[in-house]
């Protein structure tokens, strides 16, 4: 899903000012070509676009099902979608780009556009000290969904402990990732996160290498 109901191929990025003239972020192979559970010494409050994947604990299908290539959200899935859509309210320095809630994971692009002095988050963690980072945004999203799940269901363990992220390098890669996100439901049975698949996430599976 893209803001405003536009397709991945038809819309222009919300703000590409974080790319250099010519359409690229300042390039560093160490940063842009690693699967990271956080890169050492990288400032995750830095302006730019970040492709994020958050997986349900044990890859359990908590958020709905894919039927005929379309994602059908259950109540938990709608809550995950609403919490994601609310990120800019709680974190004003972040804009949203493409996102999809899948049965057992969420793919989304976060765009860090500004760094205010402070941010607050109703039903999210106060996030004191690290509120400007991508990790804090993801943590707040996860807490919002978990709070709803623990209040309205018997499920307490909602998310895997960490999350996968990729720093988007340029506009071409941005559009490729958008297309991947939009088409994800139609490719569900071939997805590496489909139940029963044992392969771990890699940059190649998302077409970002």
C-alpha atoms as a PDB file:
ATOM      1  CA  UNK A   1       0.000   0.000   0.000  1.00  0.00           C
ATOM      2  CA  UNK A   2       1.239   3.479  -0.853  1.00  0.00           C
ATOM      3  CA  UNK A   3       0.086   6.820   0.590  1.00  0.00           C
ATOM      4  CA  UNK A   4      -2.855   8.270  -1.304  1.00  0.00           C
ATOM      5  CA  UNK A   5      -3.727   4.958  -2.951  1.00  0.00           C
ATOM      6  CA  UNK A   6      -1.149   5.446  -5.717  1.00  0.00           C
ATOM      7  CA  UNK A   7       0.756   2.527  -7.174  1.00  0.00           C
ATOM      8  CA  UNK A   8       4.435   1.834  -6.655  1.00  0.00           C
ATOM      9  CA  UNK A   9       5.299   2.729 -10.242  1.00  0.00           C
ATOM     10  CA  UNK A  10       3.135   5.823 -10.611  1.00  0.00           C
ATOM     11  CA  UNK A  11       3.995   7.942  -7.581  1.00  0.00           C
ATOM     12  CA  UNK A  12       7.045  10.059  -6.892  1.00  0.00           C
ATOM     13  CA  UNK A  13       8.882   9.621  -3.605  1.00  0.00           C
ATOM     14  CA  UNK A  14       7.493  11.656  -0.728  1.00  0.00           C
ATOM     15  CA  UNK A  15      10.804  13.497  -0.437  1.00  0.00           C
ATOM     16  CA  UNK A  16      13.978  12.592  -2.287  1.00  0.00           C
ATOM     17  CA  UNK A  17      16.041  15.445  -0.877  1.00  0.00           C
ATOM     18  CA  UNK A  18      17.957  12.906   1.205  1.00  0.00           C
ATOM     19  CA  UNK A  19      19.483  11.604  -2.057  1.00  0.00           C
ATOM     20  CA  UNK A  20      22.358  13.402  -3.720  1.00  0.00           C
ATOM     21  CA  UNK A  21      21.897  15.230  -7.017  1.00  0.00           C
ATOM     22  CA  UNK A  22      21.682  12.422  -9.544  1.00  0.00           C
ATOM     23  CA  UNK A  23      19.456  10.339  -7.288  1.00  0.00           C
ATOM     24  CA  UNK A  24      21.802   8.613  -4.858  1.00  0.00           C
ATOM     25  CA  UNK A  25      22.599   8.733  -1.171  1.00  0.00           C
ATOM     26  CA  UNK A  26      26.288   9.220  -0.324  1.00  0.00           C
ATOM     27  CA  UNK A  27      27.505   5.687  -1.040  1.00  0.00           C
ATOM     28  CA  UNK A  28      29.439   3.488   1.352  1.00  0.00           C
ATOM     29  CA  UNK A  29      29.675  -0.225   0.424  1.00  0.00           C
ATOM     30  CA  UNK A  30      30.052  -1.225   4.074  1.00  0.00           C
ATOM     31  CA  UNK A  31      26.738   0.422   4.893  1.00  0.00           C
ATOM     32  CA  UNK A  32      24.693  -0.310   1.806  1.00  0.00           C
ATOM     33  CA  UNK A  33      25.520  -3.960   1.170  1.00  0.00           C
ATOM     34  CA  UNK A  34      25.141  -5.650   4.530  1.00  0.00           C
ATOM     35  CA  UNK A  35      22.242  -7.343   6.207  1.00  0.00           C
ATOM     36  CA  UNK A  36      22.466  -5.633   9.560  1.00  0.00           C
ATOM     37  CA  UNK A  37      21.239  -6.143  13.015  1.00  0.00           C
ATOM     38  CA  UNK A  38      22.495  -2.697  13.409  1.00  0.00           C
ATOM     39  CA  UNK A  39      25.608  -1.463  11.698  1.00  0.00           C
ATOM     40  CA  UNK A  40      28.312  -0.309  14.046  1.00  0.00           C
ATOM     41  CA  UNK A  41      28.831   3.439  14.123  1.00  0.00           C
ATOM     42  CA  UNK A  42      25.923   4.169  11.751  1.00  0.00           C
ATOM     43  CA  UNK A  43      23.592   6.955  12.858  1.00  0.00           C
ATOM     44  CA  UNK A  44      20.057   5.576  12.434  1.00  0.00           C
ATOM     45  CA  UNK A  45      18.569   9.028  12.961  1.00  0.00           C
ATOM     46  CA  UNK A  46      20.297  10.167   9.754  1.00  0.00           C
ATOM     47  CA  UNK A  47      18.038  11.499   7.002  1.00  0.00           C
ATOM     48  CA  UNK A  48      17.217   8.853   4.416  1.00  0.00           C
ATOM     49  CA  UNK A  49      14.949   5.954   3.490  1.00  0.00           C
ATOM     50  CA  UNK A  50      15.019   2.652   5.341  1.00  0.00           C
ATOM     51  CA  UNK A  51      13.376  -0.593   4.237  1.00  0.00           C
ATOM     52  CA  UNK A  52      12.184  -2.420   7.337  1.00  0.00           C
ATOM     53  CA  UNK A  53      10.803  -5.928   7.883  1.00  0.00           C
ATOM     54  CA  UNK A  54       9.251  -6.897  11.224  1.00  0.00           C
ATOM     55  CA  UNK A  55       8.362 -10.574  11.729  1.00  0.00           C
ATOM     56  CA  UNK A  56       5.879 -12.249  14.041  1.00  0.00           C
ATOM     57  CA  UNK A  57       7.327 -14.531  16.690  1.00  0.00           C
ATOM     58  CA  UNK A  58       7.869 -17.996  15.266  1.00  0.00           C
ATOM     59  CA  UNK A  59       6.572 -16.681  11.936  1.00  0.00           C
ATOM     60  CA  UNK A  60       3.053 -17.296  13.232  1.00  0.00           C
ATOM     61  CA  UNK A  61       0.319 -16.008  10.905  1.00  0.00           C
ATOM     62  CA  UNK A  62      -1.267 -13.534  13.310  1.00  0.00           C
ATOM     63  CA  UNK A  63      -2.437 -10.803  10.956  1.00  0.00           C
ATOM     64  CA  UNK A  64      -4.706 -12.502   8.426  1.00  0.00           C
ATOM     65  CA  UNK A  65      -4.353 -14.589   5.294  1.00  0.00           C
ATOM     66  CA  UNK A  66      -3.643 -14.267   1.599  1.00  0.00           C
ATOM     67  CA  UNK A  67      -6.542 -15.311  -0.626  1.00  0.00           C
ATOM     68  CA  UNK A  68      -6.227 -15.277  -4.420  1.00  0.00           C
ATOM     69  CA  UNK A  69      -3.159 -13.087  -4.204  1.00  0.00           C
ATOM     70  CA  UNK A  70      -4.742 -10.472  -1.948  1.00  0.00           C
ATOM     71  CA  UNK A  71      -4.046  -9.872   1.722  1.00  0.00           C
ATOM     72  CA  UNK A  72      -7.121 -10.146   3.941  1.00  0.00           C
ATOM     73  CA  UNK A  73      -6.400  -8.561   7.296  1.00  0.00           C
ATOM     74  CA  UNK A  74      -8.000  -9.815  10.500  1.00  0.00           C
ATOM     75  CA  UNK A  75      -8.482  -7.520  13.517  1.00  0.00           C
ATOM     76  CA  UNK A  76      -4.832  -7.866  14.518  1.00  0.00           C
ATOM     77  CA  UNK A  77      -3.769  -7.075  10.963  1.00  0.00           C
ATOM     78  CA  UNK A  78      -5.925  -3.967  10.865  1.00  0.00           C
ATOM     79  CA  UNK A  79      -4.383  -2.917  14.168  1.00  0.00           C
ATOM     80  CA  UNK A  80      -0.880  -3.407  12.763  1.00  0.00           C
ATOM     81  CA  UNK A  81      -1.833  -1.314   9.732  1.00  0.00           C
ATOM     82  CA  UNK A  82      -3.306   1.431  11.920  1.00  0.00           C
ATOM     83  CA  UNK A  83      -0.248   1.498  14.189  1.00  0.00           C
ATOM     84  CA  UNK A  84       2.045   1.773  11.176  1.00  0.00           C
ATOM     85  CA  UNK A  85      -0.068   4.556   9.658  1.00  0.00           C
ATOM     86  CA  UNK A  86       0.116   6.416  12.978  1.00  0.00           C
ATOM     87  CA  UNK A  87       3.921   6.473  13.068  1.00  0.00           C
ATOM     88  CA  UNK A  88       4.208  10.085  11.763  1.00  0.00           C
ATOM     89  CA  UNK A  89       1.813  11.240  14.490  1.00  0.00           C
ATOM     90  CA  UNK A  90       4.056   9.844  17.201  1.00  0.00           C
ATOM     91  CA  UNK A  91       7.340  10.401  15.367  1.00  0.00           C
ATOM     92  CA  UNK A  92       6.995  13.643  13.356  1.00  0.00           C
ATOM     93  CA  UNK A  93      10.477  13.275  11.871  1.00  0.00           C
ATOM     94  CA  UNK A  94       9.368  10.189   9.907  1.00  0.00           C
ATOM     95  CA  UNK A  95       7.311   9.937   6.706  1.00  0.00           C
ATOM     96  CA  UNK A  96       5.836   6.711   5.376  1.00  0.00           C
ATOM     97  CA  UNK A  97       6.238   5.229   1.934  1.00  0.00           C
ATOM     98  CA  UNK A  98       5.120   1.777   0.714  1.00  0.00           C
ATOM     99  CA  UNK A  99       3.935  -0.748   3.321  1.00  0.00           C
ATOM    100  CA  UNK A 100       2.227  -4.128   3.404  1.00  0.00           C
ATOM    101  CA  UNK A 101       0.981  -6.144   6.356  1.00  0.00           C
ATOM    102  CA  UNK A 102       1.408  -9.827   5.530  1.00  0.00           C
ATOM    103  CA  UNK A 103       0.153 -12.847   7.524  1.00  0.00           C
ATOM    104  CA  UNK A 104       3.312 -13.066   9.624  1.00  0.00           C
ATOM    105  CA  UNK A 105       5.348  -9.955   8.881  1.00  0.00           C
ATOM    106  CA  UNK A 106       5.248  -6.299   7.928  1.00  0.00           C
ATOM    107  CA  UNK A 107       7.323  -4.710   5.162  1.00  0.00           C
ATOM    108  CA  UNK A 108       7.568  -0.926   5.111  1.00  0.00           C
ATOM    109  CA  UNK A 109       9.718   1.989   4.022  1.00  0.00           C
ATOM    110  CA  UNK A 110      10.418   4.646   6.649  1.00  0.00           C
ATOM    111  CA  UNK A 111      11.756   8.014   5.514  1.00  0.00           C
ATOM    112  CA  UNK A 112      13.592  10.070   8.122  1.00  0.00           C
ATOM    113  CA  UNK A 113      13.016  13.680   7.052  1.00  0.00           C
ATOM    114  CA  UNK A 114      13.745  15.777  10.107  1.00  0.00           C
ATOM    115  CA  UNK A 115      15.053  15.476  13.641  1.00  0.00           C
ATOM    116  CA  UNK A 116      12.927  17.400  16.153  1.00  0.00           C
ATOM    117  CA  UNK A 117      14.069  17.948  19.709  1.00  0.00           C
ATOM    118  CA  UNK A 118      11.462  15.608  21.179  1.00  0.00           C
ATOM    119  CA  UNK A 119       8.703  13.232  20.166  1.00  0.00           C
ATOM    120  CA  UNK A 120       5.913  11.578  22.100  1.00  0.00           C
ATOM    121  CA  UNK A 121       3.876   8.472  21.527  1.00  0.00           C
ATOM    122  CA  UNK A 122       0.518   7.549  23.012  1.00  0.00           C
ATOM    123  CA  UNK A 123       0.445   3.775  23.627  1.00  0.00           C
ATOM    124  CA  UNK A 124       4.074   3.608  22.484  1.00  0.00           C
ATOM    125  CA  UNK A 125       7.141   3.575  24.690  1.00  0.00           C
ATOM    126  CA  UNK A 126       8.414   7.016  25.815  1.00  0.00           C
ATOM    127  CA  UNK A 127      11.696   6.055  24.048  1.00  0.00           C
ATOM    128  CA  UNK A 128      13.778   8.473  26.051  1.00  0.00           C
ATOM    129  CA  UNK A 129      17.249   9.090  24.663  1.00  0.00           C
ATOM    130  CA  UNK A 130      16.861   7.215  21.341  1.00  0.00           C
ATOM    131  CA  UNK A 131      13.552   8.604  20.064  1.00  0.00           C
ATOM    132  CA  UNK A 132      14.993   9.820  16.758  1.00  0.00           C
ATOM    133  CA  UNK A 133      16.336   6.499  15.482  1.00  0.00           C
ATOM    134  CA  UNK A 134      14.750   3.985  13.133  1.00  0.00           C
ATOM    135  CA  UNK A 135      15.080   1.391  15.885  1.00  0.00           C
ATOM    136  CA  UNK A 136      13.014   3.521  18.242  1.00  0.00           C
ATOM    137  CA  UNK A 137      10.288   3.943  15.615  1.00  0.00           C
ATOM    138  CA  UNK A 138      10.120   0.191  15.018  1.00  0.00           C
ATOM    139  CA  UNK A 139      10.124  -0.441  18.746  1.00  0.00           C
ATOM    140  CA  UNK A 140       7.234   1.974  19.238  1.00  0.00           C
ATOM    141  CA  UNK A 141       5.260   0.294  16.431  1.00  0.00           C
ATOM    142  CA  UNK A 142       5.847  -3.138  17.927  1.00  0.00           C
ATOM    143  CA  UNK A 143       4.792  -1.972  21.375  1.00  0.00           C
ATOM    144  CA  UNK A 144       1.568  -0.474  19.996  1.00  0.00           C
ATOM    145  CA  UNK A 145       0.584  -3.740  18.296  1.00  0.00           C
ATOM    146  CA  UNK A 146       1.661  -5.852  21.271  1.00  0.00           C
ATOM    147  CA  UNK A 147      -0.404  -3.744  23.661  1.00  0.00           C
ATOM    148  CA  UNK A 148      -3.513  -4.323  21.535  1.00  0.00           C
ATOM    149  CA  UNK A 149      -2.812  -8.052  21.196  1.00  0.00           C
ATOM    150  CA  UNK A 150      -2.331  -8.557  24.935  1.00  0.00           C
ATOM    151  CA  UNK A 151      -5.521  -6.628  25.680  1.00  0.00           C
ATOM    152  CA  UNK A 152      -7.738  -8.270  23.074  1.00  0.00           C
ATOM    153  CA  UNK A 153      -6.306 -11.768  22.542  1.00  0.00           C
ATOM    154  CA  UNK A 154      -4.549 -14.529  24.474  1.00  0.00           C
ATOM    155  CA  UNK A 155      -1.338 -13.941  22.504  1.00  0.00           C
ATOM    156  CA  UNK A 156       1.479 -12.285  24.437  1.00  0.00           C
ATOM    157  CA  UNK A 157       4.547 -13.079  22.353  1.00  0.00           C
ATOM    158  CA  UNK A 158       3.845 -11.126  19.161  1.00  0.00           C
ATOM    159  CA  UNK A 159       7.150 -10.203  17.511  1.00  0.00           C
ATOM    160  CA  UNK A 160      10.573 -11.641  16.929  1.00  0.00           C
ATOM    161  CA  UNK A 161      13.081  -9.893  19.131  1.00  0.00           C
ATOM    162  CA  UNK A 162      14.771  -7.858  16.411  1.00  0.00           C
ATOM    163  CA  UNK A 163      13.969  -6.625  12.926  1.00  0.00           C
ATOM    164  CA  UNK A 164      15.581  -6.542   9.482  1.00  0.00           C
ATOM    165  CA  UNK A 165      16.521  -3.263   7.825  1.00  0.00           C
ATOM    166  CA  UNK A 166      18.196  -2.062   4.650  1.00  0.00           C
ATOM    167  CA  UNK A 167      19.399   1.472   4.002  1.00  0.00           C
ATOM    168  CA  UNK A 168      17.961   2.479   0.622  1.00  0.00           C
ATOM    169  CA  UNK A 169      20.757   3.600  -1.681  1.00  0.00           C
ATOM    170  CA  UNK A 170      19.044   5.471  -4.510  1.00  0.00           C
ATOM    171  CA  UNK A 171      15.761   6.144  -6.329  1.00  0.00           C
ATOM    172  CA  UNK A 172      16.086   3.072  -8.544  1.00  0.00           C
ATOM    173  CA  UNK A 173      16.427   0.829  -5.526  1.00  0.00           C
ATOM    174  CA  UNK A 174      13.582   2.681  -3.806  1.00  0.00           C
ATOM    175  CA  UNK A 175      11.238   1.952  -6.700  1.00  0.00           C
ATOM    176  CA  UNK A 176      12.358  -1.679  -6.845  1.00  0.00           C
ATOM    177  CA  UNK A 177      11.606  -2.132  -3.152  1.00  0.00           C
ATOM    178  CA  UNK A 178       8.228  -0.408  -3.538  1.00  0.00           C
ATOM    179  CA  UNK A 179       7.342  -2.828  -6.315  1.00  0.00           C
ATOM    180  CA  UNK A 180       8.414  -5.775  -4.172  1.00  0.00           C
ATOM    181  CA  UNK A 181       6.216  -4.582  -1.304  1.00  0.00           C
ATOM    182  CA  UNK A 182       3.154  -3.993  -3.472  1.00  0.00           C
ATOM    183  CA  UNK A 183       3.517  -7.400  -5.150  1.00  0.00           C
ATOM    184  CA  UNK A 184       4.290  -9.321  -1.961  1.00  0.00           C
ATOM    185  CA  UNK A 185       0.776 -10.781  -1.434  1.00  0.00           C
ATOM    186  CA  UNK A 186       0.746 -12.171  -4.960  1.00  0.00           C
ATOM    187  CA  UNK A 187       4.074 -13.923  -4.295  1.00  0.00           C
ATOM    188  CA  UNK A 188       3.158 -15.178  -0.831  1.00  0.00           C
ATOM    189  CA  UNK A 189       3.586 -18.921  -1.400  1.00  0.00           C
ATOM    190  CA  UNK A 190       7.097 -18.301  -2.750  1.00  0.00           C
ATOM    191  CA  UNK A 191       7.987 -15.887   0.046  1.00  0.00           C
ATOM    192  CA  UNK A 192      10.950 -16.798   2.220  1.00  0.00           C
ATOM    193  CA  UNK A 193       8.777 -15.995   5.251  1.00  0.00           C
ATOM    194  CA  UNK A 194       5.984 -18.363   4.139  1.00  0.00           C
ATOM    195  CA  UNK A 195       5.327 -20.904   6.943  1.00  0.00           C
ATOM    196  CA  UNK A 196       7.638 -23.875   6.625  1.00  0.00           C
ATOM    197  CA  UNK A 197      10.389 -22.025   4.802  1.00  0.00           C
ATOM    198  CA  UNK A 198      13.633 -22.262   6.737  1.00  0.00           C
ATOM    199  CA  UNK A 199      15.673 -19.767   4.716  1.00  0.00           C
ATOM    200  CA  UNK A 200      16.667 -16.549   6.443  1.00  0.00           C
ATOM    201  CA  UNK A 201      16.206 -13.069   5.031  1.00  0.00           C
ATOM    202  CA  UNK A 202      18.883 -11.783   2.667  1.00  0.00           C
ATOM    203  CA  UNK A 203      19.174  -8.564   0.650  1.00  0.00           C
ATOM    204  CA  UNK A 204      18.849 -10.617  -2.548  1.00  0.00           C
ATOM    205  CA  UNK A 205      15.367 -11.841  -1.637  1.00  0.00           C
ATOM    206  CA  UNK A 206      14.162  -8.250  -1.571  1.00  0.00           C
ATOM    207  CA  UNK A 207      15.886  -7.287  -4.820  1.00  0.00           C
ATOM    208  CA  UNK A 208      18.085  -4.702  -3.134  1.00  0.00           C
ATOM    209  CA  UNK A 209      21.520  -5.898  -4.248  1.00  0.00           C
END
